[in-house]
Amino acid sequence: MLTLADAPLRNAPVVEPSTTLDEVVRLMESDPLRTVALVGDGMYFGLFNDASLQGNLIPPDIDFSTLEVGPYIHSERVIGTPEMTIDNARALMDRRNVRVIPLVANRIFKGLITREDLG
């Protein structure tokens, strides 16, 4: 049975929690998957994506250059692990209506997996 360890991984920009929101938004907008991973001290914390921007956590009319991204990440409820089967990952992504999940092994971010790559 195939697992996520066998799936192709996509790269994503990776930033520290102290990176400013304006820099993260710039990276997100230039990324094909519109996703930035937050990693601090080598550990995975979450993703910043369109859902993070559209949520109500970021104060309206704020200067993004004055805020660090840490408090505004989208903590994923769907995280893939290398031992998760592709079938289980696909079903979970369908249930949660997400097209991209992070692959995380022992809290270490490995890359992104897309629904399209899983078939």
PDB file of N, CA and C in Angstrom:
ATOM      1  N   MET A   1       0.837  -1.174   0.000  1.00  0.00           N
ATOM      2  CA  MET A   1       0.000   0.000   0.000  1.00  0.00           C
ATOM      3  C   MET A   1       0.888   1.246   0.000  1.00  0.00           C
ATOM      4  N   LEU A   2       0.577   2.189  -0.883  1.00  0.00           N
ATOM      5  CA  LEU A   2       1.382   3.402  -0.995  1.00  0.00           C
ATOM      6  C   LEU A   2       1.082   4.372   0.149  1.00  0.00           C
ATOM      7  N   THR A   3       2.130   5.012   0.630  1.00  0.00           N
ATOM      8  CA  THR A   3       1.995   5.995   1.702  1.00  0.00           C
ATOM      9  C   THR A   3       2.445   7.359   1.193  1.00  0.00           C
ATOM     10  N   LEU A   4       2.270   8.366   2.022  1.00  0.00           N
ATOM     11  CA  LEU A   4       2.702   9.706   1.630  1.00  0.00           C
ATOM     12  C   LEU A   4       4.216   9.793   1.473  1.00  0.00           C
ATOM     13  N   ALA A   5       4.951   8.870   2.059  1.00  0.00           N
ATOM     14  CA  ALA A   5       6.396   8.827   1.831  1.00  0.00           C
ATOM     15  C   ALA A   5       6.704   8.548   0.364  1.00  0.00           C
ATOM     16  N   ASP A   6       5.752   7.936  -0.355  1.00  0.00           N
ATOM     17  CA  ASP A   6       5.922   7.633  -1.781  1.00  0.00           C
ATOM     18  C   ASP A   6       5.402   8.751  -2.682  1.00  0.00           C
ATOM     19  N   ALA A   7       4.717   9.729  -2.126  1.00  0.00           N
ATOM     20  CA  ALA A   7       4.079  10.785  -2.924  1.00  0.00           C
ATOM     21  C   ALA A   7       5.082  11.878  -3.284  1.00  0.00           C
ATOM     22  N   PRO A   8       4.854  12.532  -4.415  1.00  0.00           N
ATOM     23  CA  PRO A   8       5.728  13.656  -4.778  1.00  0.00           C
ATOM     24  C   PRO A   8       5.484  14.838  -3.847  1.00  0.00           C
ATOM     25  N   LEU A   9       6.559  15.525  -3.496  1.00  0.00           N
ATOM     26  CA  LEU A   9       6.459  16.690  -2.617  1.00  0.00           C
ATOM     27  C   LEU A   9       6.661  17.966  -3.421  1.00  0.00           C
ATOM     28  N   ARG A  10       5.948  18.987  -3.028  1.00  0.00           N
ATOM     29  CA  ARG A  10       6.113  20.314  -3.619  1.00  0.00           C
ATOM     30  C   ARG A  10       6.835  21.190  -2.608  1.00  0.00           C
ATOM     31  N   ASN A  11       7.670  22.065  -3.133  1.00  0.00           N
ATOM     32  CA  ASN A  11       8.358  23.026  -2.284  1.00  0.00           C
ATOM     33  C   ASN A  11       7.425  24.177  -1.946  1.00  0.00           C
ATOM     34  N   ALA A  12       7.703  24.811  -0.851  1.00  0.00           N
ATOM     35  CA  ALA A  12       6.974  26.006  -0.443  1.00  0.00           C
ATOM     36  C   ALA A  12       7.969  26.955   0.204  1.00  0.00           C
ATOM     37  N   PRO A  13       7.710  28.251   0.103  1.00  0.00           N
ATOM     38  CA  PRO A  13       8.557  29.170   0.864  1.00  0.00           C
ATOM     39  C   PRO A  13       8.432  28.847   2.351  1.00  0.00           C
ATOM     40  N   VAL A  14       9.532  28.961   3.067  1.00  0.00           N
ATOM     41  CA  VAL A  14       9.562  28.683   4.507  1.00  0.00           C
ATOM     42  C   VAL A  14      10.051  29.939   5.210  1.00  0.00           C
ATOM     43  N   VAL A  15       9.327  30.347   6.256  1.00  0.00           N
ATOM     44  CA  VAL A  15       9.687  31.550   7.000  1.00  0.00           C
ATOM     45  C   VAL A  15       9.703  31.268   8.494  1.00  0.00           C
ATOM     46  N   GLU A  16      10.369  32.141   9.208  1.00  0.00           N
ATOM     47  CA  GLU A  16      10.403  32.114  10.677  1.00  0.00           C
ATOM     48  C   GLU A  16       9.190  32.856  11.233  1.00  0.00           C
ATOM     49  N   PRO A  17       8.794  32.583  12.462  1.00  0.00           N
ATOM     50  CA  PRO A  17       7.657  33.281  13.065  1.00  0.00           C
ATOM     51  C   PRO A  17       7.821  34.796  13.119  1.00  0.00           C
ATOM     52  N   SER A  18       9.058  35.282  13.129  1.00  0.00           N
ATOM     53  CA  SER A  18       9.293  36.727  13.232  1.00  0.00           C
ATOM     54  C   SER A  18       9.233  37.455  11.893  1.00  0.00           C
ATOM     55  N   THR A  19       9.033  36.745  10.805  1.00  0.00           N
ATOM     56  CA  THR A  19       8.948  37.378   9.492  1.00  0.00           C
ATOM     57  C   THR A  19       7.713  38.278   9.448  1.00  0.00           C
ATOM     58  N   THR A  20       7.857  39.448   8.825  1.00  0.00           N
ATOM     59  CA  THR A  20       6.729  40.377   8.774  1.00  0.00           C
ATOM     60  C   THR A  20       5.658  39.884   7.812  1.00  0.00           C
ATOM     61  N   LEU A  21       4.425  40.261   8.113  1.00  0.00           N
ATOM     62  CA  LEU A  21       3.291  39.856   7.282  1.00  0.00           C
ATOM     63  C   LEU A  21       3.436  40.335   5.847  1.00  0.00           C
ATOM     64  N   ASP A  22       3.979  41.523   5.627  1.00  0.00           N
ATOM     65  CA  ASP A  22       4.106  41.997   4.249  1.00  0.00           C
ATOM     66  C   ASP A  22       5.040  41.104   3.442  1.00  0.00           C
ATOM     67  N   GLU A  23       6.106  40.622   4.052  1.00  0.00           N
ATOM     68  CA  GLU A  23       7.028  39.712   3.366  1.00  0.00           C
ATOM     69  C   GLU A  23       6.364  38.366   3.085  1.00  0.00           C
ATOM     70  N   VAL A  24       5.609  37.858   4.040  1.00  0.00           N
ATOM     71  CA  VAL A  24       4.933  36.566   3.871  1.00  0.00           C
ATOM     72  C   VAL A  24       3.870  36.658   2.779  1.00  0.00           C
ATOM     73  N   VAL A  25       3.122  37.729   2.759  1.00  0.00           N
ATOM     74  CA  VAL A  25       2.108  37.905   1.712  1.00  0.00           C
ATOM     75  C   VAL A  25       2.778  37.982   0.342  1.00  0.00           C
ATOM     76  N   ARG A  26       3.903  38.693   0.251  1.00  0.00           N
ATOM     77  CA  ARG A  26       4.640  38.765  -1.017  1.00  0.00           C
ATOM     78  C   ARG A  26       5.081  37.370  -1.469  1.00  0.00           C
ATOM     79  N   LEU A  27       5.609  36.573  -0.543  1.00  0.00           N
ATOM     80  CA  LEU A  27       6.035  35.211  -0.874  1.00  0.00           C
ATOM     81  C   LEU A  27       4.837  34.343  -1.277  1.00  0.00           C
ATOM     82  N   MET A  28       3.744  34.462  -0.542  1.00  0.00           N
ATOM     83  CA  MET A  28       2.548  33.674  -0.846  1.00  0.00           C
ATOM     84  C   MET A  28       2.025  34.004  -2.236  1.00  0.00           C
ATOM     85  N   GLU A  29       1.957  35.286  -2.550  1.00  0.00           N
ATOM     86  CA  GLU A  29       1.414  35.693  -3.849  1.00  0.00           C
ATOM     87  C   GLU A  29       2.291  35.268  -5.013  1.00  0.00           C
ATOM     88  N   SER A  30       3.575  35.050  -4.771  1.00  0.00           N
ATOM     89  CA  SER A  30       4.465  34.617  -5.852  1.00  0.00           C
ATOM     90  C   SER A  30       4.596  33.095  -5.935  1.00  0.00           C
ATOM     91  N   ASP A  31       4.027  32.380  -4.977  1.00  0.00           N
ATOM     92  CA  ASP A  31       4.107  30.915  -4.949  1.00  0.00           C
ATOM     93  C   ASP A  31       2.940  30.312  -5.729  1.00  0.00           C
ATOM     94  N   PRO A  32       3.198  29.312  -6.589  1.00  0.00           N
ATOM     95  CA  PRO A  32       2.106  28.700  -7.358  1.00  0.00           C
ATOM     96  C   PRO A  32       0.990  28.106  -6.492  1.00  0.00           C
ATOM     97  N   LEU A  33       1.323  27.595  -5.314  1.00  0.00           N
ATOM     98  CA  LEU A  33       0.300  27.023  -4.424  1.00  0.00           C
ATOM     99  C   LEU A  33      -0.247  28.044  -3.433  1.00  0.00           C
ATOM    100  N   ARG A  34       0.284  29.272  -3.482  1.00  0.00           N
ATOM    101  CA  ARG A  34      -0.167  30.364  -2.605  1.00  0.00           C
ATOM    102  C   ARG A  34      -0.126  29.932  -1.136  1.00  0.00           C
ATOM    103  N   THR A  35       0.990  29.286  -0.778  1.00  0.00           N
ATOM    104  CA  THR A  35       1.140  28.739   0.570  1.00  0.00           C
ATOM    105  C   THR A  35       2.565  28.965   1.058  1.00  0.00           C
ATOM    106  N   VAL A  36       2.689  29.416   2.302  1.00  0.00           N
ATOM    107  CA  VAL A  36       3.983  29.612   2.954  1.00  0.00           C
ATOM    108  C   VAL A  36       3.977  28.798   4.243  1.00  0.00           C
ATOM    109  N   ALA A  37       5.053  28.072   4.487  1.00  0.00           N
ATOM    110  CA  ALA A  37       5.180  27.272   5.716  1.00  0.00           C
ATOM    111  C   ALA A  37       5.912  28.074   6.787  1.00  0.00           C
ATOM    112  N   LEU A  38       5.426  27.957   8.007  1.00  0.00           N
ATOM    113  CA  LEU A  38       6.063  28.621   9.131  1.00  0.00           C
ATOM    114  C   LEU A  38       6.835  27.575   9.927  1.00  0.00           C
ATOM    115  N   VAL A  39       8.142  27.795  10.051  1.00  0.00           N
ATOM    116  CA  VAL A  39       9.019  26.873  10.759  1.00  0.00           C
ATOM    117  C   VAL A  39       9.906  27.690  11.695  1.00  0.00           C
ATOM    118  N   GLY A  40       9.929  27.303  12.940  1.00  0.00           N
ATOM    119  CA  GLY A  40      10.784  27.974  13.908  1.00  0.00           C
ATOM    120  C   GLY A  40      11.588  26.958  14.688  1.00  0.00           C
ATOM    121  N   ASP A  41      12.867  27.212  14.859  1.00  0.00           N
ATOM    122  CA  ASP A  41      13.766  26.281  15.543  1.00  0.00           C
ATOM    123  C   ASP A  41      13.678  24.886  14.929  1.00  0.00           C
ATOM    124  N   GLY A  42      13.481  24.836  13.619  1.00  0.00           N
ATOM    125  CA  GLY A  42      13.421  23.560  12.905  1.00  0.00           C
ATOM    126  C   GLY A  42      12.086  22.837  13.019  1.00  0.00           C
ATOM    127  N   MET A  43      11.134  23.385  13.766  1.00  0.00           N
ATOM    128  CA  MET A  43       9.854  22.725  13.992  1.00  0.00           C
ATOM    129  C   MET A  43       8.737  23.391  13.175  1.00  0.00           C
ATOM    130  N   TYR A  44       7.839  22.575  12.662  1.00  0.00           N
ATOM    131  CA  TYR A  44       6.701  23.048  11.879  1.00  0.00           C
ATOM    132  C   TYR A  44       5.648  23.660  12.788  1.00  0.00           C
ATOM    133  N   PHE A  45       5.152  24.857  12.412  1.00  0.00           N
ATOM    134  CA  PHE A  45       4.107  25.531  13.175  1.00  0.00           C
ATOM    135  C   PHE A  45       2.787  25.634  12.433  1.00  0.00           C
ATOM    136  N   GLY A  46       2.819  25.753  11.132  1.00  0.00           N
ATOM    137  CA  GLY A  46       1.576  25.892  10.387  1.00  0.00           C
ATOM    138  C   GLY A  46       1.810  26.515   9.028  1.00  0.00           C
ATOM    139  N   LEU A  47       0.705  26.828   8.362  1.00  0.00           N
ATOM    140  CA  LEU A  47       0.757  27.403   7.025  1.00  0.00           C
ATOM    141  C   LEU A  47       0.109  28.779   7.016  1.00  0.00           C
ATOM    142  N   PHE A  48       0.603  29.620   6.138  1.00  0.00           N
ATOM    143  CA  PHE A  48      -0.055  30.885   5.832  1.00  0.00           C
ATOM    144  C   PHE A  48      -0.490  30.795   4.382  1.00  0.00           C
ATOM    145  N   ASN A  49      -1.791  31.001   4.145  1.00  0.00           N
ATOM    146  CA  ASN A  49      -2.335  30.897   2.793  1.00  0.00           C
ATOM    147  C   ASN A  49      -3.500  31.869   2.652  1.00  0.00           C
ATOM    148  N   ASP A  50      -4.241  31.741   1.584  1.00  0.00           N
ATOM    149  CA  ASP A  50      -5.368  32.648   1.359  1.00  0.00           C
ATOM    150  C   ASP A  50      -6.363  32.622   2.520  1.00  0.00           C
ATOM    151  N   ALA A  51      -6.576  31.456   3.113  1.00  0.00           N
ATOM    152  CA  ALA A  51      -7.501  31.360   4.246  1.00  0.00           C
ATOM    153  C   ALA A  51      -7.004  32.204   5.424  1.00  0.00           C
ATOM    154  N   SER A  52      -5.700  32.257   5.610  1.00  0.00           N
ATOM    155  CA  SER A  52      -5.129  33.079   6.680  1.00  0.00           C
ATOM    156  C   SER A  52      -5.393  34.558   6.425  1.00  0.00           C
ATOM    157  N   LEU A  53      -5.250  34.949   5.188  1.00  0.00           N
ATOM    158  CA  LEU A  53      -5.462  36.349   4.811  1.00  0.00           C
ATOM    159  C   LEU A  53      -6.926  36.748   4.918  1.00  0.00           C
ATOM    160  N   GLN A  54      -7.808  35.830   4.580  1.00  0.00           N
ATOM    161  CA  GLN A  54      -9.235  36.132   4.540  1.00  0.00           C
ATOM    162  C   GLN A  54      -9.920  35.964   5.896  1.00  0.00           C
ATOM    163  N   GLY A  55      -9.221  35.347   6.827  1.00  0.00           N
ATOM    164  CA  GLY A  55      -9.800  35.165   8.154  1.00  0.00           C
ATOM    165  C   GLY A  55      -9.921  36.491   8.882  1.00  0.00           C
ATOM    166  N   ASN A  56     -10.489  36.449  10.056  1.00  0.00           N
ATOM    167  CA  ASN A  56     -10.691  37.690  10.806  1.00  0.00           C
ATOM    168  C   ASN A  56      -9.638  37.911  11.897  1.00  0.00           C
ATOM    169  N   LEU A  57      -8.517  37.191  11.829  1.00  0.00           N
ATOM    170  CA  LEU A  57      -7.469  37.373  12.834  1.00  0.00           C
ATOM    171  C   LEU A  57      -6.646  38.636  12.607  1.00  0.00           C
ATOM    172  N   ILE A  58      -6.433  38.997  11.349  1.00  0.00           N
ATOM    173  CA  ILE A  58      -5.596  40.150  11.031  1.00  0.00           C
ATOM    174  C   ILE A  58      -6.460  41.412  11.117  1.00  0.00           C
ATOM    175  N   PRO A  59      -6.059  42.355  11.935  1.00  0.00           N
ATOM    176  CA  PRO A  59      -6.859  43.580  12.065  1.00  0.00           C
ATOM    177  C   PRO A  59      -6.983  44.305  10.717  1.00  0.00           C
ATOM    178  N   PRO A  60      -8.167  44.825  10.419  1.00  0.00           N
ATOM    179  CA  PRO A  60      -8.335  45.549   9.160  1.00  0.00           C
ATOM    180  C   PRO A  60      -7.525  46.848   9.171  1.00  0.00           C
ATOM    181  N   ASP A  61      -7.083  47.247   8.010  1.00  0.00           N
ATOM    182  CA  ASP A  61      -6.363  48.517   7.821  1.00  0.00           C
ATOM    183  C   ASP A  61      -5.087  48.626   8.650  1.00  0.00           C
ATOM    184  N   ILE A  62      -4.448  47.500   8.895  1.00  0.00           N
ATOM    185  CA  ILE A  62      -3.188  47.501   9.648  1.00  0.00           C
ATOM    186  C   ILE A  62      -2.025  47.490   8.668  1.00  0.00           C
ATOM    187  N   ASP A  63      -0.932  48.063   9.037  1.00  0.00           N
ATOM    188  CA  ASP A  63       0.284  48.057   8.218  1.00  0.00           C
ATOM    189  C   ASP A  63       0.957  46.695   8.410  1.00  0.00           C
ATOM    190  N   PHE A  64       0.947  45.880   7.362  1.00  0.00           N
ATOM    191  CA  PHE A  64       1.504  44.523   7.444  1.00  0.00           C
ATOM    192  C   PHE A  64       2.990  44.506   7.767  1.00  0.00           C
ATOM    193  N   SER A  65       3.684  45.607   7.525  1.00  0.00           N
ATOM    194  CA  SER A  65       5.122  45.637   7.817  1.00  0.00           C
ATOM    195  C   SER A  65       5.381  45.772   9.320  1.00  0.00           C
ATOM    196  N   THR A  66       4.334  46.009  10.109  1.00  0.00           N
ATOM    197  CA  THR A  66       4.509  46.170  11.558  1.00  0.00           C
ATOM    198  C   THR A  66       4.163  44.910  12.345  1.00  0.00           C
ATOM    199  N   LEU A  67       3.649  43.888  11.662  1.00  0.00           N
ATOM    200  CA  LEU A  67       3.226  42.670  12.353  1.00  0.00           C
ATOM    201  C   LEU A  67       4.081  41.472  11.953  1.00  0.00           C
ATOM    202  N   GLU A  68       4.405  40.632  12.932  1.00  0.00           N
ATOM    203  CA  GLU A  68       5.075  39.365  12.646  1.00  0.00           C
ATOM    204  C   GLU A  68       4.016  38.332  12.287  1.00  0.00           C
ATOM    205  N   VAL A  69       4.371  37.373  11.443  1.00  0.00           N
ATOM    206  CA  VAL A  69       3.409  36.390  10.941  1.00  0.00           C
ATOM    207  C   VAL A  69       2.984  35.372  12.000  1.00  0.00           C
ATOM    208  N   GLY A  70       3.820  35.111  12.980  1.00  0.00           N
ATOM    209  CA  GLY A  70       3.564  34.052  13.958  1.00  0.00           C
ATOM    210  C   GLY A  70       2.124  33.919  14.436  1.00  0.00           C
ATOM    211  N   PRO A  71       1.515  34.979  14.939  1.00  0.00           N
ATOM    212  CA  PRO A  71       0.150  34.857  15.458  1.00  0.00           C
ATOM    213  C   PRO A  71      -0.927  34.684  14.382  1.00  0.00           C
ATOM    214  N   TYR A  72      -0.565  34.819  13.118  1.00  0.00           N
ATOM    215  CA  TYR A  72      -1.577  34.831  12.062  1.00  0.00           C
ATOM    216  C   TYR A  72      -1.512  33.634  11.118  1.00  0.00           C
ATOM    217  N   ILE A  73      -0.802  32.602  11.525  1.00  0.00           N
ATOM    218  CA  ILE A  73      -0.732  31.419  10.676  1.00  0.00           C
ATOM    219  C   ILE A  73      -2.040  30.651  10.747  1.00  0.00           C
ATOM    220  N   HIS A  74      -2.247  29.865   9.708  1.00  0.00           N
ATOM    221  CA  HIS A  74      -3.419  28.991   9.649  1.00  0.00           C
ATOM    222  C   HIS A  74      -2.948  27.626  10.146  1.00  0.00           C
ATOM    223  N   SER A  75      -3.264  27.302  11.392  1.00  0.00           N
ATOM    224  CA  SER A  75      -2.827  26.005  11.910  1.00  0.00           C
ATOM    225  C   SER A  75      -3.694  24.928  11.263  1.00  0.00           C
ATOM    226  N   GLU A  76      -3.051  24.114  10.499  1.00  0.00           N
ATOM    227  CA  GLU A  76      -3.750  23.106   9.699  1.00  0.00           C
ATOM    228  C   GLU A  76      -4.346  22.018  10.570  1.00  0.00           C
ATOM    229  N   ARG A  77      -5.583  21.701  10.293  1.00  0.00           N
ATOM    230  CA  ARG A  77      -6.216  20.566  10.951  1.00  0.00           C
ATOM    231  C   ARG A  77      -5.910  19.298  10.172  1.00  0.00           C
ATOM    232  N   VAL A  78      -5.349  19.454   8.976  1.00  0.00           N
ATOM    233  CA  VAL A  78      -5.018  18.311   8.137  1.00  0.00           C
ATOM    234  C   VAL A  78      -3.511  18.328   7.920  1.00  0.00           C
ATOM    235  N   ILE A  79      -2.845  17.367   8.513  1.00  0.00           N
ATOM    236  CA  ILE A  79      -1.395  17.243   8.370  1.00  0.00           C
ATOM    237  C   ILE A  79      -1.095  15.820   7.943  1.00  0.00           C
ATOM    238  N   GLY A  80      -0.301  15.694   6.889  1.00  0.00           N
ATOM    239  CA  GLY A  80       0.103  14.377   6.434  1.00  0.00           C
ATOM    240  C   GLY A  80       1.383  13.931   7.121  1.00  0.00           C
ATOM    241  N   THR A  81       1.471  12.640   7.354  1.00  0.00           N
ATOM    242  CA  THR A  81       2.689  12.042   7.902  1.00  0.00           C
ATOM    243  C   THR A  81       3.187  11.012   6.902  1.00  0.00           C
ATOM    244  N   PRO A  82       4.474  10.707   6.912  1.00  0.00           N
ATOM    245  CA  PRO A  82       5.002   9.764   5.924  1.00  0.00           C
ATOM    246  C   PRO A  82       4.317   8.407   5.932  1.00  0.00           C
ATOM    247  N   GLU A  83       3.831   7.953   7.083  1.00  0.00           N
ATOM    248  CA  GLU A  83       3.216   6.623   7.149  1.00  0.00           C
ATOM    249  C   GLU A  83       1.729   6.617   6.784  1.00  0.00           C
ATOM    250  N   MET A  84       1.126   7.780   6.609  1.00  0.00           N
ATOM    251  CA  MET A  84      -0.287   7.860   6.221  1.00  0.00           C
ATOM    252  C   MET A  84      -0.454   7.310   4.803  1.00  0.00           C
ATOM    253  N   THR A  85      -1.473   6.488   4.595  1.00  0.00           N
ATOM    254  CA  THR A  85      -1.685   5.953   3.250  1.00  0.00           C
ATOM    255  C   THR A  85      -2.224   7.052   2.332  1.00  0.00           C
ATOM    256  N   ILE A  86      -1.921   6.915   1.071  1.00  0.00           N
ATOM    257  CA  ILE A  86      -2.408   7.875   0.085  1.00  0.00           C
ATOM    258  C   ILE A  86      -3.934   7.890   0.063  1.00  0.00           C
ATOM    259  N   ASP A  87      -4.554   6.715   0.168  1.00  0.00           N
ATOM    260  CA  ASP A  87      -6.019   6.653   0.192  1.00  0.00           C
ATOM    261  C   ASP A  87      -6.587   7.423   1.386  1.00  0.00           C
ATOM    262  N   ASN A  88      -5.992   7.251   2.554  1.00  0.00           N
ATOM    263  CA  ASN A  88      -6.460   7.970   3.745  1.00  0.00           C
ATOM    264  C   ASN A  88      -6.245   9.478   3.608  1.00  0.00           C
ATOM    265  N   ALA A  89      -5.104   9.866   3.055  1.00  0.00           N
ATOM    266  CA  ALA A  89      -4.828  11.292   2.863  1.00  0.00           C
ATOM    267  C   ALA A  89      -5.823  11.903   1.880  1.00  0.00           C
ATOM    268  N   ARG A  90      -6.093  11.210   0.798  1.00  0.00           N
ATOM    269  CA  ARG A  90      -7.041  11.699  -0.202  1.00  0.00           C
ATOM    270  C   ARG A  90      -8.430  11.857   0.413  1.00  0.00           C
ATOM    271  N   ALA A  91      -8.869  10.865   1.181  1.00  0.00           N
ATOM    272  CA  ALA A  91     -10.187  10.926   1.819  1.00  0.00           C
ATOM    273  C   ALA A  91     -10.251  12.082   2.832  1.00  0.00           C
ATOM    274  N   LEU A  92      -9.196  12.267   3.596  1.00  0.00           N
ATOM    275  CA  LEU A  92      -9.149  13.341   4.578  1.00  0.00           C
ATOM    276  C   LEU A  92      -9.188  14.708   3.890  1.00  0.00           C
ATOM    277  N   MET A  93      -8.448  14.846   2.818  1.00  0.00           N
ATOM    278  CA  MET A  93      -8.441  16.113   2.078  1.00  0.00           C
ATOM    279  C   MET A  93      -9.822  16.398   1.495  1.00  0.00           C
ATOM    280  N   ASP A  94     -10.477  15.364   1.006  1.00  0.00           N
ATOM    281  CA  ASP A  94     -11.829  15.536   0.468  1.00  0.00           C
ATOM    282  C   ASP A  94     -12.806  15.950   1.563  1.00  0.00           C
ATOM    283  N   ARG A  95     -12.729  15.284   2.718  1.00  0.00           N
ATOM    284  CA  ARG A  95     -13.631  15.606   3.833  1.00  0.00           C
ATOM    285  C   ARG A  95     -13.437  17.029   4.333  1.00  0.00           C
ATOM    286  N   ARG A  96     -12.197  17.460   4.391  1.00  0.00           N
ATOM    287  CA  ARG A  96     -11.881  18.796   4.917  1.00  0.00           C
ATOM    288  C   ARG A  96     -11.875  19.871   3.823  1.00  0.00           C
ATOM    289  N   ASN A  97     -12.081  19.442   2.580  1.00  0.00           N
ATOM    290  CA  ASN A  97     -12.143  20.352   1.439  1.00  0.00           C
ATOM    291  C   ASN A  97     -10.879  21.211   1.314  1.00  0.00           C
ATOM    292  N   VAL A  98      -9.719  20.533   1.366  1.00  0.00           N
ATOM    293  CA  VAL A  98      -8.441  21.212   1.151  1.00  0.00           C
ATOM    294  C   VAL A  98      -7.734  20.551  -0.017  1.00  0.00           C
ATOM    295  N   ARG A  99      -6.957  21.324  -0.727  1.00  0.00           N
ATOM    296  CA  ARG A  99      -6.231  20.765  -1.864  1.00  0.00           C
ATOM    297  C   ARG A  99      -4.735  20.650  -1.628  1.00  0.00           C
ATOM    298  N   VAL A 100      -4.263  21.192  -0.496  1.00  0.00           N
ATOM    299  CA  VAL A 100      -2.845  21.134  -0.147  1.00  0.00           C
ATOM    300  C   VAL A 100      -2.727  20.806   1.338  1.00  0.00           C
ATOM    301  N   ILE A 101      -1.832  19.855   1.648  1.00  0.00           N
ATOM    302  CA  ILE A 101      -1.526  19.570   3.053  1.00  0.00           C
ATOM    303  C   ILE A 101      -0.015  19.536   3.227  1.00  0.00           C
ATOM    304  N   PRO A 102       0.447  19.878   4.424  1.00  0.00           N
ATOM    305  CA  PRO A 102       1.874  19.762   4.703  1.00  0.00           C
ATOM    306  C   PRO A 102       2.224  18.313   5.057  1.00  0.00           C
ATOM    307  N   LEU A 103       3.389  17.885   4.640  1.00  0.00           N
ATOM    308  CA  LEU A 103       3.924  16.603   5.091  1.00  0.00           C
ATOM    309  C   LEU A 103       4.886  16.918   6.223  1.00  0.00           C
ATOM    310  N   VAL A 104       4.608  16.345   7.386  1.00  0.00           N
ATOM    311  CA  VAL A 104       5.383  16.633   8.590  1.00  0.00           C
ATOM    312  C   VAL A 104       5.808  15.310   9.217  1.00  0.00           C
ATOM    313  N   ALA A 105       7.087  15.199   9.499  1.00  0.00           N
ATOM    314  CA  ALA A 105       7.628  13.998  10.151  1.00  0.00           C
ATOM    315  C   ALA A 105       8.332  14.428  11.432  1.00  0.00           C
ATOM    316  N   ASN A 106       7.835  13.974  12.565  1.00  0.00           N
ATOM    317  CA  ASN A 106       8.425  14.336  13.863  1.00  0.00           C
ATOM    318  C   ASN A 106       8.544  15.848  14.016  1.00  0.00           C
ATOM    319  N   ARG A 107       7.470  16.565  13.658  1.00  0.00           N
ATOM    320  CA  ARG A 107       7.360  18.028  13.727  1.00  0.00           C
ATOM    321  C   ARG A 107       8.275  18.760  12.757  1.00  0.00           C
ATOM    322  N   ILE A 108       8.899  18.017  11.821  1.00  0.00           N
ATOM    323  CA  ILE A 108       9.770  18.634  10.823  1.00  0.00           C
ATOM    324  C   ILE A 108       9.007  18.740   9.506  1.00  0.00           C
ATOM    325  N   PHE A 109       8.935  19.951   8.941  1.00  0.00           N
ATOM    326  CA  PHE A 109       8.252  20.191   7.682  1.00  0.00           C
ATOM    327  C   PHE A 109       9.083  19.612   6.537  1.00  0.00           C
ATOM    328  N   LYS A 110       8.454  18.751   5.726  1.00  0.00           N
ATOM    329  CA  LYS A 110       9.138  18.108   4.606  1.00  0.00           C
ATOM    330  C   LYS A 110       8.748  18.700   3.249  1.00  0.00           C
ATOM    331  N   GLY A 111       7.542  19.233   3.142  1.00  0.00           N
ATOM    332  CA  GLY A 111       7.056  19.796   1.889  1.00  0.00           C
ATOM    333  C   GLY A 111       5.546  19.747   1.852  1.00  0.00           C
ATOM    334  N   LEU A 112       4.986  20.094   0.691  1.00  0.00           N
ATOM    335  CA  LEU A 112       3.542  20.099   0.508  1.00  0.00           C
ATOM    336  C   LEU A 112       3.117  18.980  -0.420  1.00  0.00           C
ATOM    337  N   ILE A 113       1.940  18.467  -0.189  1.00  0.00           N
ATOM    338  CA  ILE A 113       1.352  17.457  -1.059  1.00  0.00           C
ATOM    339  C   ILE A 113       0.019  18.018  -1.531  1.00  0.00           C
ATOM    340  N   THR A 114      -0.209  17.937  -2.852  1.00  0.00           N
ATOM    341  CA  THR A 114      -1.468  18.451  -3.402  1.00  0.00           C
ATOM    342  C   THR A 114      -2.420  17.304  -3.677  1.00  0.00           C
ATOM    343  N   ARG A 115      -3.678  17.618  -3.671  1.00  0.00           N
ATOM    344  CA  ARG A 115      -4.723  16.628  -4.000  1.00  0.00           C
ATOM    345  C   ARG A 115      -4.503  16.083  -5.395  1.00  0.00           C
ATOM    346  N   GLU A 116      -4.117  16.949  -6.324  1.00  0.00           N
ATOM    347  CA  GLU A 116      -3.883  16.537  -7.710  1.00  0.00           C
ATOM    348  C   GLU A 116      -2.766  15.516  -7.819  1.00  0.00           C
ATOM    349  N   ASP A 117      -1.741  15.643  -6.991  1.00  0.00           N
ATOM    350  CA  ASP A 117      -0.616  14.693  -7.028  1.00  0.00           C
ATOM    351  C   ASP A 117      -0.986  13.320  -6.505  1.00  0.00           C
ATOM    352  N   LEU A 118      -2.051  13.255  -5.718  1.00  0.00           N
ATOM    353  CA  LEU A 118      -2.469  11.967  -5.157  1.00  0.00           C
ATOM    354  C   LEU A 118      -3.426  11.219  -6.100  1.00  0.00           C
ATOM    355  N   GLY A 119      -3.885  11.888  -7.118  1.00  0.00           N
ATOM    356  CA  GLY A 119      -4.766  11.242  -8.099  1.00  0.00           C
ATOM    357  C   GLY A 119      -6.219  11.235  -7.720  1.00  0.00           C
TER     358      GLY A 119
END
